[in-house]
N, C-alpha and C. Protein backbone atom coordinates (compact mmCIF):
# COMPACT_ATOMS: atom_id res chain seq x y z
N UNK A 1 0.83 -1.20 0.00
CA UNK A 1 0.00 0.00 0.00
C UNK A 1 0.87 1.25 0.00
N UNK A 2 2.00 1.23 0.76
CA UNK A 2 2.84 2.44 0.80
C UNK A 2 3.43 2.71 -0.58
N UNK A 3 3.68 1.67 -1.36
CA UNK A 3 4.24 1.86 -2.70
C UNK A 3 3.25 2.61 -3.60
N UNK A 4 1.97 2.29 -3.48
CA UNK A 4 0.94 2.98 -4.28
C UNK A 4 0.89 4.45 -3.89
N UNK A 5 0.90 4.74 -2.59
CA UNK A 5 0.88 6.13 -2.12
C UNK A 5 2.13 6.86 -2.59
N UNK A 6 3.31 6.22 -2.43
CA UNK A 6 4.56 6.84 -2.85
C UNK A 6 4.55 7.10 -4.36
N UNK A 7 4.09 6.13 -5.13
CA UNK A 7 4.04 6.27 -6.59
C UNK A 7 3.11 7.41 -6.99
N UNK A 8 1.95 7.51 -6.32
CA UNK A 8 1.01 8.60 -6.63
C UNK A 8 1.61 9.95 -6.27
N UNK A 9 2.28 10.05 -5.12
CA UNK A 9 2.92 11.31 -4.71
C UNK A 9 4.04 11.68 -5.67
N UNK A 10 4.84 10.71 -6.07
CA UNK A 10 5.93 10.96 -7.02
C UNK A 10 5.37 11.41 -8.36
N UNK A 11 4.28 10.79 -8.79
CA UNK A 11 3.64 11.17 -10.05
C UNK A 11 3.16 12.61 -10.01
N UNK A 12 2.50 13.02 -8.88
CA UNK A 12 2.04 14.40 -8.74
C UNK A 12 3.21 15.37 -8.75
N UNK A 13 4.31 15.00 -8.05
CA UNK A 13 5.49 15.86 -8.01
C UNK A 13 6.09 16.01 -9.40
N UNK A 14 6.23 14.92 -10.13
CA UNK A 14 6.79 14.98 -11.48
C UNK A 14 5.89 15.76 -12.42
N UNK A 15 4.56 15.57 -12.29
CA UNK A 15 3.62 16.34 -13.11
C UNK A 15 3.77 17.83 -12.84
N UNK A 16 3.87 18.22 -11.56
CA UNK A 16 4.00 19.64 -11.21
C UNK A 16 5.31 20.20 -11.76
N UNK A 17 6.40 19.42 -11.65
CA UNK A 17 7.69 19.89 -12.18
C UNK A 17 7.61 20.06 -13.69
N UNK A 18 6.94 19.15 -14.36
CA UNK A 18 6.83 19.21 -15.82
C UNK A 18 6.01 20.42 -16.25
N UNK A 19 5.12 20.91 -15.39
CA UNK A 19 4.26 22.05 -15.72
C UNK A 19 4.77 23.35 -15.09
N UNK A 20 6.07 23.43 -14.80
CA UNK A 20 6.61 24.65 -14.22
C UNK A 20 6.16 24.88 -12.79
N UNK A 21 5.90 23.81 -12.05
CA UNK A 21 5.48 23.94 -10.67
C UNK A 21 3.98 24.05 -10.49
N UNK A 22 3.22 24.14 -11.59
CA UNK A 22 1.76 24.24 -11.51
C UNK A 22 1.15 22.88 -11.25
N UNK A 23 0.18 22.83 -10.35
CA UNK A 23 -0.60 21.63 -10.07
C UNK A 23 -2.04 21.90 -10.50
N UNK A 24 -2.58 21.02 -11.31
CA UNK A 24 -3.97 21.16 -11.76
C UNK A 24 -4.89 20.60 -10.69
N UNK A 25 -5.79 21.44 -10.18
CA UNK A 25 -6.74 21.00 -9.17
C UNK A 25 -8.09 20.63 -9.78
N UNK A 26 -8.43 21.25 -10.90
CA UNK A 26 -9.61 20.81 -11.65
C UNK A 26 -9.22 20.72 -13.11
N UNK A 27 -9.35 19.52 -13.66
CA UNK A 27 -8.93 19.25 -15.04
C UNK A 27 -10.11 18.88 -15.94
N UNK A 28 -11.32 19.11 -15.46
CA UNK A 28 -12.49 18.77 -16.26
C UNK A 28 -13.06 17.39 -15.96
N UNK A 29 -12.43 16.66 -15.04
CA UNK A 29 -12.87 15.28 -14.79
C UNK A 29 -13.43 15.05 -13.39
N UNK A 30 -12.78 15.64 -12.37
CA UNK A 30 -13.25 15.37 -11.00
C UNK A 30 -12.91 16.55 -10.09
N UNK A 31 -13.51 16.55 -8.90
CA UNK A 31 -13.24 17.59 -7.91
C UNK A 31 -12.60 16.98 -6.66
N UNK A 32 -11.75 15.98 -6.87
CA UNK A 32 -11.13 15.27 -5.77
C UNK A 32 -10.23 16.14 -4.90
N UNK A 33 -9.74 17.26 -5.42
CA UNK A 33 -8.86 18.15 -4.65
C UNK A 33 -9.65 19.09 -3.74
N UNK A 34 -10.99 19.00 -3.78
CA UNK A 34 -11.85 19.93 -3.06
C UNK A 34 -12.81 19.21 -2.12
N UNK A 35 -13.24 19.93 -1.08
CA UNK A 35 -14.34 19.52 -0.22
C UNK A 35 -15.52 20.43 -0.53
N UNK A 36 -16.72 19.86 -0.56
CA UNK A 36 -17.94 20.64 -0.80
C UNK A 36 -18.45 21.22 0.51
N UNK A 37 -18.77 22.52 0.48
CA UNK A 37 -19.38 23.18 1.63
C UNK A 37 -20.61 23.91 1.10
N UNK A 38 -21.75 23.75 1.75
CA UNK A 38 -22.98 24.40 1.29
C UNK A 38 -23.78 23.52 0.36
N UNK A 39 -24.83 24.10 -0.24
CA UNK A 39 -25.75 23.27 -1.02
C UNK A 39 -25.77 23.57 -2.52
N UNK A 40 -24.76 24.23 -3.04
CA UNK A 40 -24.71 24.47 -4.49
C UNK A 40 -24.70 23.14 -5.23
N UNK A 41 -25.32 23.11 -6.41
CA UNK A 41 -25.47 21.86 -7.18
C UNK A 41 -24.31 21.68 -8.17
N UNK A 42 -23.08 21.64 -7.68
CA UNK A 42 -21.91 21.48 -8.55
C UNK A 42 -22.04 20.21 -9.39
N UNK A 43 -21.86 20.34 -10.70
CA UNK A 43 -21.85 19.19 -11.61
C UNK A 43 -20.71 19.38 -12.60
N UNK A 44 -20.30 18.27 -13.22
CA UNK A 44 -19.28 18.33 -14.27
C UNK A 44 -19.90 17.78 -15.54
N UNK A 45 -19.82 18.58 -16.62
CA UNK A 45 -20.32 18.14 -17.92
C UNK A 45 -19.41 18.71 -19.00
N UNK A 46 -18.99 17.88 -19.92
CA UNK A 46 -18.13 18.31 -21.04
C UNK A 46 -16.89 19.04 -20.54
N UNK A 47 -16.31 18.57 -19.44
CA UNK A 47 -15.07 19.15 -18.93
C UNK A 47 -15.23 20.46 -18.18
N UNK A 48 -16.48 20.85 -17.90
CA UNK A 48 -16.75 22.12 -17.23
C UNK A 48 -17.46 21.85 -15.89
N UNK A 49 -16.99 22.49 -14.85
CA UNK A 49 -17.59 22.43 -13.53
C UNK A 49 -18.61 23.56 -13.45
N UNK A 50 -19.84 23.25 -13.04
CA UNK A 50 -20.89 24.27 -13.07
C UNK A 50 -21.81 24.15 -11.86
N UNK A 51 -22.31 25.32 -11.42
CA UNK A 51 -23.40 25.36 -10.44
C UNK A 51 -24.39 26.42 -10.89
N UNK A 52 -25.68 26.14 -10.70
CA UNK A 52 -26.71 27.13 -11.07
C UNK A 52 -27.90 27.12 -10.11
N UNK A 53 -27.78 26.38 -9.00
CA UNK A 53 -28.86 26.34 -8.01
C UNK A 53 -28.26 26.14 -6.63
N UNK A 54 -29.00 26.59 -5.64
CA UNK A 54 -28.60 26.41 -4.25
C UNK A 54 -28.58 27.76 -3.55
N UNK A 55 -28.55 27.70 -2.25
CA UNK A 55 -28.50 28.93 -1.45
C UNK A 55 -27.08 29.46 -1.38
N UNK A 56 -26.15 28.73 -1.89
CA UNK A 56 -24.74 29.13 -1.87
C UNK A 56 -23.87 27.94 -1.57
N UNK A 57 -22.67 28.02 -2.00
CA UNK A 57 -21.77 26.91 -1.72
C UNK A 57 -20.38 27.18 -2.21
N UNK A 58 -19.49 26.35 -1.75
CA UNK A 58 -18.07 26.49 -2.06
C UNK A 58 -17.47 25.12 -2.35
N UNK A 59 -16.43 25.13 -3.16
CA UNK A 59 -15.53 24.00 -3.27
C UNK A 59 -14.22 24.48 -2.66
N UNK A 60 -13.84 23.87 -1.54
CA UNK A 60 -12.68 24.32 -0.76
C UNK A 60 -11.55 23.32 -0.95
N UNK A 61 -10.35 23.83 -1.28
CA UNK A 61 -9.22 22.92 -1.47
C UNK A 61 -8.94 22.16 -0.18
N UNK A 62 -8.52 20.92 -0.34
CA UNK A 62 -8.20 20.10 0.82
C UNK A 62 -6.88 20.54 1.43
N UNK A 63 -6.05 21.19 0.65
CA UNK A 63 -4.72 21.61 1.11
C UNK A 63 -4.69 23.12 1.35
N UNK A 64 -4.04 23.56 2.46
CA UNK A 64 -3.87 25.00 2.68
C UNK A 64 -2.65 25.53 1.92
N UNK A 65 -2.64 26.82 1.66
CA UNK A 65 -1.54 27.46 0.95
C UNK A 65 -1.16 28.75 1.68
N UNK A 66 0.12 29.10 1.59
CA UNK A 66 0.62 30.34 2.19
C UNK A 66 0.93 31.34 1.08
N UNK A 67 1.99 31.11 0.33
CA UNK A 67 2.38 31.95 -0.80
C UNK A 67 2.16 31.14 -2.07
N UNK A 68 1.44 31.72 -3.05
CA UNK A 68 1.03 30.92 -4.22
C UNK A 68 0.56 31.82 -5.35
N UNK A 69 0.39 31.18 -6.49
CA UNK A 69 -0.31 31.77 -7.63
C UNK A 69 -1.43 30.81 -8.00
N UNK A 70 -2.56 31.37 -8.41
CA UNK A 70 -3.70 30.58 -8.89
C UNK A 70 -4.00 31.06 -10.30
N UNK A 71 -4.27 30.11 -11.19
CA UNK A 71 -4.82 30.43 -12.52
C UNK A 71 -6.15 29.69 -12.60
N UNK A 72 -7.20 30.43 -12.92
CA UNK A 72 -8.53 29.81 -13.02
C UNK A 72 -9.28 30.42 -14.19
N UNK A 73 -9.89 29.56 -15.00
CA UNK A 73 -10.74 30.00 -16.10
C UNK A 73 -12.19 29.86 -15.64
N UNK A 74 -12.96 30.94 -15.84
CA UNK A 74 -14.35 30.92 -15.38
C UNK A 74 -15.26 31.60 -16.40
N UNK A 75 -16.54 31.22 -16.33
CA UNK A 75 -17.61 31.81 -17.14
C UNK A 75 -18.78 32.04 -16.20
N UNK A 76 -19.38 33.21 -16.28
CA UNK A 76 -20.57 33.51 -15.48
C UNK A 76 -21.60 34.20 -16.36
N UNK A 77 -22.88 34.08 -15.96
CA UNK A 77 -23.89 34.89 -16.64
C UNK A 77 -23.94 36.25 -15.93
N UNK A 78 -24.66 37.19 -16.49
CA UNK A 78 -24.67 38.56 -15.97
C UNK A 78 -25.08 38.66 -14.50
N UNK A 79 -26.14 37.97 -14.03
CA UNK A 79 -26.53 38.12 -12.63
C UNK A 79 -25.70 37.28 -11.64
N UNK A 80 -24.70 36.56 -12.12
CA UNK A 80 -23.95 35.65 -11.24
C UNK A 80 -23.23 36.38 -10.11
N UNK A 81 -23.13 35.68 -9.00
CA UNK A 81 -22.34 36.13 -7.86
C UNK A 81 -21.43 34.97 -7.52
N UNK A 82 -20.13 35.19 -7.70
CA UNK A 82 -19.14 34.15 -7.47
C UNK A 82 -17.86 34.80 -6.99
N UNK A 83 -16.83 34.01 -6.89
CA UNK A 83 -15.53 34.52 -6.51
C UNK A 83 -14.60 33.38 -6.18
N UNK A 84 -13.35 33.77 -5.95
CA UNK A 84 -12.35 32.82 -5.48
C UNK A 84 -11.86 33.38 -4.15
N UNK A 85 -12.10 32.63 -3.09
CA UNK A 85 -11.73 33.04 -1.74
C UNK A 85 -10.38 32.41 -1.42
N UNK A 86 -9.42 33.22 -0.98
CA UNK A 86 -8.08 32.69 -0.72
C UNK A 86 -7.70 32.85 0.76
N UNK A 87 -6.78 31.98 1.19
CA UNK A 87 -6.28 31.96 2.56
C UNK A 87 -7.41 31.94 3.59
N UNK A 88 -8.33 31.01 3.39
CA UNK A 88 -9.49 30.89 4.28
C UNK A 88 -9.07 30.34 5.64
N UNK A 89 -9.39 31.07 6.69
CA UNK A 89 -9.03 30.65 8.04
C UNK A 89 -9.90 29.51 8.53
N UNK A 90 -11.17 29.48 8.12
CA UNK A 90 -12.08 28.41 8.52
C UNK A 90 -12.64 27.75 7.27
N UNK A 91 -12.06 26.61 6.84
CA UNK A 91 -12.50 25.97 5.61
C UNK A 91 -13.96 25.53 5.61
N UNK A 92 -14.58 25.41 6.78
CA UNK A 92 -15.99 25.01 6.86
C UNK A 92 -16.94 26.19 6.67
N UNK A 93 -16.42 27.42 6.78
CA UNK A 93 -17.25 28.61 6.64
C UNK A 93 -16.51 29.71 5.90
N UNK A 94 -16.22 29.49 4.61
CA UNK A 94 -15.55 30.55 3.86
C UNK A 94 -16.45 31.79 3.78
N UNK A 95 -15.85 32.92 3.62
CA UNK A 95 -16.60 34.16 3.48
C UNK A 95 -15.63 35.33 3.49
N UNK A 96 -16.15 36.53 3.20
CA UNK A 96 -15.31 37.71 3.07
C UNK A 96 -14.62 38.09 4.38
N UNK A 97 -15.12 37.62 5.53
CA UNK A 97 -14.47 37.93 6.80
C UNK A 97 -13.36 36.94 7.14
N UNK A 98 -13.51 35.69 6.71
CA UNK A 98 -12.55 34.64 7.06
C UNK A 98 -11.52 34.40 5.97
N UNK A 99 -11.67 35.06 4.82
CA UNK A 99 -10.79 34.85 3.67
C UNK A 99 -10.65 36.19 2.93
N UNK A 100 -9.73 36.22 1.98
CA UNK A 100 -9.74 37.30 0.99
C UNK A 100 -10.67 36.84 -0.14
N UNK A 101 -11.60 37.71 -0.54
CA UNK A 101 -12.54 37.38 -1.60
C UNK A 101 -12.17 38.11 -2.88
N UNK A 102 -11.68 37.34 -3.86
CA UNK A 102 -11.43 37.89 -5.19
C UNK A 102 -12.76 37.74 -5.93
N UNK A 103 -13.41 38.87 -6.14
CA UNK A 103 -14.82 38.84 -6.53
C UNK A 103 -15.06 38.59 -8.02
N UNK A 104 -16.19 37.92 -8.29
CA UNK A 104 -16.77 37.77 -9.63
C UNK A 104 -18.24 38.13 -9.44
N UNK A 105 -18.58 39.42 -9.68
CA UNK A 105 -19.93 39.89 -9.37
C UNK A 105 -20.15 41.18 -10.17
N UNK A 106 -20.53 41.02 -11.44
CA UNK A 106 -20.70 42.15 -12.36
C UNK A 106 -21.79 43.12 -11.91
N UNK A 107 -22.82 42.63 -11.23
CA UNK A 107 -23.96 43.48 -10.87
C UNK A 107 -23.96 43.84 -9.39
N UNK A 108 -22.79 43.82 -8.75
CA UNK A 108 -22.70 44.16 -7.32
C UNK A 108 -23.17 45.60 -7.13
N UNK A 109 -24.03 45.84 -6.13
CA UNK A 109 -24.54 47.20 -5.92
C UNK A 109 -23.43 48.25 -5.75
N UNK A 110 -22.33 47.90 -5.08
CA UNK A 110 -21.17 48.79 -5.00
C UNK A 110 -20.11 48.24 -5.96
N UNK A 111 -20.06 48.77 -7.20
CA UNK A 111 -19.17 48.21 -8.21
C UNK A 111 -17.67 48.35 -7.89
N UNK A 112 -17.32 49.18 -6.92
CA UNK A 112 -15.91 49.33 -6.55
C UNK A 112 -15.31 48.00 -6.08
N UNK A 113 -16.15 47.15 -5.49
CA UNK A 113 -15.70 45.82 -5.06
C UNK A 113 -16.33 44.73 -5.92
N UNK A 114 -16.63 45.03 -7.17
CA UNK A 114 -17.20 44.06 -8.10
C UNK A 114 -16.12 43.17 -8.69
N UNK A 115 -16.37 42.64 -9.87
CA UNK A 115 -15.45 41.72 -10.53
C UNK A 115 -14.06 42.36 -10.66
N UNK A 116 -13.04 41.62 -10.21
CA UNK A 116 -11.65 42.08 -10.28
C UNK A 116 -11.13 42.65 -8.99
N UNK A 117 -12.00 42.93 -8.02
CA UNK A 117 -11.60 43.52 -6.74
C UNK A 117 -11.35 42.43 -5.70
N UNK A 118 -10.66 42.82 -4.63
CA UNK A 118 -10.55 41.99 -3.43
C UNK A 118 -11.45 42.69 -2.42
N UNK A 119 -12.58 42.07 -2.10
CA UNK A 119 -13.62 42.70 -1.29
C UNK A 119 -13.06 43.24 0.03
N UNK A 120 -13.36 44.51 0.29
CA UNK A 120 -12.96 45.23 1.50
C UNK A 120 -11.44 45.39 1.65
N UNK A 121 -10.68 45.10 0.59
CA UNK A 121 -9.22 45.24 0.65
C UNK A 121 -8.71 46.10 -0.51
N UNK A 122 -9.12 45.78 -1.73
CA UNK A 122 -8.63 46.50 -2.91
C UNK A 122 -9.76 46.69 -3.91
N UNK A 123 -10.11 47.96 -4.13
CA UNK A 123 -11.15 48.27 -5.11
C UNK A 123 -10.61 48.10 -6.52
N UNK A 124 -11.50 47.83 -7.45
CA UNK A 124 -11.13 47.75 -8.85
C UNK A 124 -11.21 49.19 -9.40
N UNK A 125 -10.19 49.60 -10.14
CA UNK A 125 -10.11 50.99 -10.63
C UNK A 125 -11.31 51.36 -11.49
N UNK A 126 -11.64 50.51 -12.46
CA UNK A 126 -12.84 50.75 -13.26
C UNK A 126 -13.56 49.41 -13.39
N UNK A 127 -14.87 49.41 -13.16
CA UNK A 127 -15.62 48.15 -13.18
C UNK A 127 -15.44 47.39 -14.50
N UNK A 128 -15.26 46.08 -14.36
CA UNK A 128 -15.05 45.19 -15.50
C UNK A 128 -16.20 44.20 -15.53
N UNK A 129 -16.71 43.91 -16.71
CA UNK A 129 -17.79 42.94 -16.85
C UNK A 129 -17.22 41.63 -17.39
N UNK A 130 -17.48 40.56 -16.66
CA UNK A 130 -16.98 39.24 -17.05
C UNK A 130 -18.08 38.36 -17.63
N UNK A 131 -19.33 38.76 -17.50
CA UNK A 131 -20.47 37.93 -17.89
C UNK A 131 -20.50 37.58 -19.36
N UNK A 132 -20.89 36.32 -19.63
CA UNK A 132 -21.15 35.88 -21.00
C UNK A 132 -19.93 35.45 -21.79
N UNK A 133 -18.76 35.35 -21.17
CA UNK A 133 -17.55 34.92 -21.89
C UNK A 133 -16.60 34.22 -20.92
N UNK A 134 -15.67 33.46 -21.48
CA UNK A 134 -14.64 32.82 -20.65
C UNK A 134 -13.60 33.86 -20.27
N UNK A 135 -13.18 33.81 -19.03
CA UNK A 135 -12.22 34.75 -18.46
C UNK A 135 -11.13 33.97 -17.74
N UNK A 136 -9.99 34.60 -17.54
CA UNK A 136 -8.90 33.98 -16.78
C UNK A 136 -8.49 34.90 -15.64
N UNK A 137 -8.54 34.36 -14.43
CA UNK A 137 -8.02 35.05 -13.25
C UNK A 137 -6.63 34.52 -12.97
N UNK A 138 -5.71 35.42 -12.66
CA UNK A 138 -4.40 35.07 -12.12
C UNK A 138 -4.31 35.80 -10.79
N UNK A 139 -4.22 35.04 -9.73
CA UNK A 139 -4.20 35.58 -8.37
C UNK A 139 -2.87 35.20 -7.74
N UNK A 140 -2.20 36.20 -7.17
CA UNK A 140 -0.89 35.96 -6.55
C UNK A 140 -0.93 36.48 -5.12
N UNK A 141 -0.49 35.65 -4.19
CA UNK A 141 -0.38 36.03 -2.78
C UNK A 141 1.02 35.66 -2.31
N UNK A 142 1.79 36.67 -1.95
CA UNK A 142 3.15 36.43 -1.45
C UNK A 142 3.36 37.33 -0.24
N UNK A 143 3.44 36.71 0.94
CA UNK A 143 3.45 37.50 2.17
C UNK A 143 2.16 38.30 2.21
N UNK A 144 2.27 39.60 2.49
CA UNK A 144 1.10 40.46 2.54
C UNK A 144 0.74 41.09 1.20
N UNK A 145 1.51 40.79 0.15
CA UNK A 145 1.27 41.40 -1.17
C UNK A 145 0.31 40.52 -1.98
N UNK A 146 -0.82 41.10 -2.37
CA UNK A 146 -1.85 40.39 -3.13
C UNK A 146 -2.09 41.10 -4.45
N UNK A 147 -2.09 40.34 -5.55
CA UNK A 147 -2.42 40.94 -6.85
C UNK A 147 -3.44 40.06 -7.57
N UNK A 148 -4.27 40.74 -8.35
CA UNK A 148 -5.30 40.06 -9.14
C UNK A 148 -5.17 40.57 -10.57
N UNK A 149 -5.11 39.64 -11.51
CA UNK A 149 -5.08 39.98 -12.94
C UNK A 149 -6.24 39.26 -13.60
N UNK A 150 -7.04 40.01 -14.35
CA UNK A 150 -8.20 39.46 -15.06
C UNK A 150 -7.96 39.66 -16.55
N UNK A 151 -7.91 38.55 -17.28
CA UNK A 151 -7.70 38.60 -18.74
C UNK A 151 -6.49 39.46 -19.12
N UNK A 152 -5.41 39.30 -18.34
CA UNK A 152 -4.16 40.00 -18.65
C UNK A 152 -4.07 41.42 -18.12
N UNK A 153 -5.13 41.95 -17.48
CA UNK A 153 -5.10 43.31 -16.95
C UNK A 153 -5.12 43.26 -15.42
N UNK A 154 -4.13 43.91 -14.78
CA UNK A 154 -4.10 43.94 -13.32
C UNK A 154 -5.27 44.77 -12.82
N UNK A 155 -6.10 44.17 -11.96
CA UNK A 155 -7.29 44.84 -11.47
C UNK A 155 -7.19 45.19 -9.99
N UNK A 156 -6.30 44.52 -9.25
CA UNK A 156 -6.15 44.79 -7.82
C UNK A 156 -4.71 44.53 -7.41
N UNK A 157 -4.19 45.40 -6.55
CA UNK A 157 -2.83 45.28 -6.02
C UNK A 157 -2.88 45.86 -4.61
N UNK A 158 -2.65 45.01 -3.61
CA UNK A 158 -2.80 45.46 -2.24
C UNK A 158 -1.78 44.81 -1.33
N UNK A 159 -1.59 45.44 -0.19
CA UNK A 159 -0.79 44.87 0.89
C UNK A 159 -1.70 44.74 2.10
N UNK A 160 -1.84 43.51 2.60
CA UNK A 160 -2.72 43.24 3.72
C UNK A 160 -2.24 41.95 4.38
N UNK A 161 -2.18 41.93 5.70
CA UNK A 161 -1.66 40.75 6.40
C UNK A 161 -2.71 40.07 7.28
N UNK A 162 -3.98 40.37 7.03
CA UNK A 162 -5.06 39.80 7.85
C UNK A 162 -5.07 38.26 7.81
N UNK A 163 -4.92 37.69 6.63
CA UNK A 163 -4.99 36.23 6.46
C UNK A 163 -3.67 35.75 5.88
N UNK A 164 -2.96 34.88 6.61
CA UNK A 164 -1.62 34.47 6.20
C UNK A 164 -1.59 33.12 5.48
N UNK A 165 -2.54 32.24 5.79
CA UNK A 165 -2.48 30.89 5.25
C UNK A 165 -3.86 30.26 5.30
N UNK A 166 -4.11 29.38 4.36
CA UNK A 166 -5.35 28.62 4.38
C UNK A 166 -5.69 28.09 3.00
N UNK A 167 -6.70 27.25 2.91
CA UNK A 167 -7.13 26.76 1.61
C UNK A 167 -7.79 27.88 0.81
N UNK A 168 -8.04 27.62 -0.46
CA UNK A 168 -8.85 28.57 -1.23
C UNK A 168 -10.13 27.88 -1.66
N UNK A 169 -11.11 28.70 -2.07
CA UNK A 169 -12.44 28.16 -2.34
C UNK A 169 -13.03 28.82 -3.59
N UNK A 170 -13.70 28.01 -4.39
CA UNK A 170 -14.47 28.49 -5.53
C UNK A 170 -15.90 28.68 -5.02
N UNK A 171 -16.51 29.83 -5.31
CA UNK A 171 -17.81 30.14 -4.75
C UNK A 171 -18.92 30.07 -5.78
N UNK A 172 -20.07 29.55 -5.33
CA UNK A 172 -21.32 29.73 -6.05
C UNK A 172 -22.24 30.54 -5.14
N UNK A 173 -22.70 31.70 -5.63
CA UNK A 173 -23.62 32.52 -4.86
C UNK A 173 -24.96 32.69 -5.55
N UNK A 174 -24.93 32.92 -6.88
CA UNK A 174 -26.17 33.12 -7.64
C UNK A 174 -25.87 33.03 -9.13
N UNK A 175 -26.91 32.87 -9.93
CA UNK A 175 -26.77 32.84 -11.39
C UNK A 175 -26.19 31.52 -11.87
N UNK A 176 -25.41 31.59 -12.95
CA UNK A 176 -24.72 30.42 -13.51
C UNK A 176 -23.23 30.68 -13.39
N UNK A 177 -22.51 29.74 -12.78
CA UNK A 177 -21.08 29.87 -12.54
C UNK A 177 -20.40 28.61 -13.09
N UNK A 178 -19.36 28.81 -13.90
CA UNK A 178 -18.62 27.68 -14.48
C UNK A 178 -17.12 27.89 -14.31
N UNK A 179 -16.41 26.80 -14.06
CA UNK A 179 -14.95 26.79 -14.05
C UNK A 179 -14.51 25.66 -14.97
N UNK A 180 -13.45 25.89 -15.78
CA UNK A 180 -12.99 24.79 -16.62
C UNK A 180 -11.52 24.45 -16.40
N UNK A 181 -10.79 25.27 -15.69
CA UNK A 181 -9.41 24.96 -15.39
C UNK A 181 -9.03 25.70 -14.12
N UNK A 182 -8.47 25.00 -13.15
CA UNK A 182 -8.02 25.61 -11.91
C UNK A 182 -6.66 25.02 -11.59
N UNK A 183 -5.66 25.89 -11.47
CA UNK A 183 -4.30 25.46 -11.19
C UNK A 183 -3.71 26.31 -10.07
N UNK A 184 -2.77 25.73 -9.33
CA UNK A 184 -2.08 26.45 -8.26
C UNK A 184 -0.59 26.15 -8.34
N UNK A 185 0.22 27.16 -7.98
CA UNK A 185 1.67 26.97 -7.92
C UNK A 185 2.17 27.63 -6.65
N UNK A 186 2.69 26.83 -5.70
CA UNK A 186 3.28 27.44 -4.49
C UNK A 186 4.51 28.28 -4.87
N UNK A 187 4.70 29.37 -4.13
CA UNK A 187 5.85 30.24 -4.38
C UNK A 187 6.90 30.02 -3.31
């Protein structure tokens, strides 16, 4: 049994090295790297992870991270409320108070913390609409320095030390939310 575990760990390490240190957490096939929290109806179809019903929910990584980069491809409809929560202190109750929330919310009443912002930490300079198309988030957290890049444009850059370590979470809040690729690279 230890040989199987060792072989699997070695395979993951070699895969990450071959991809420049990136580890794929969602590859279109399964959500084994995540724990489900809440009642969102996450499903996988045609290589895409999707939720469109429920009072809210998260897919929380099983592993915590300190300094890292995340690359995630997402699609939302216009009324969607989603986000990627990083360095969550309580993996059973992710939220804007227990994590940094990199928002995906085109119709947020206060657009300063809409799509591209880090809620209550870094406002987005000019509101960006992500609805109706595939987008790529690149999120970097190194020490207290946090940056968010959406489709190649830096949307948030902040220094904050409130949350130092923890798993990250994909959120379903409302509308239609899809992810098709999620990768992480420790720094």
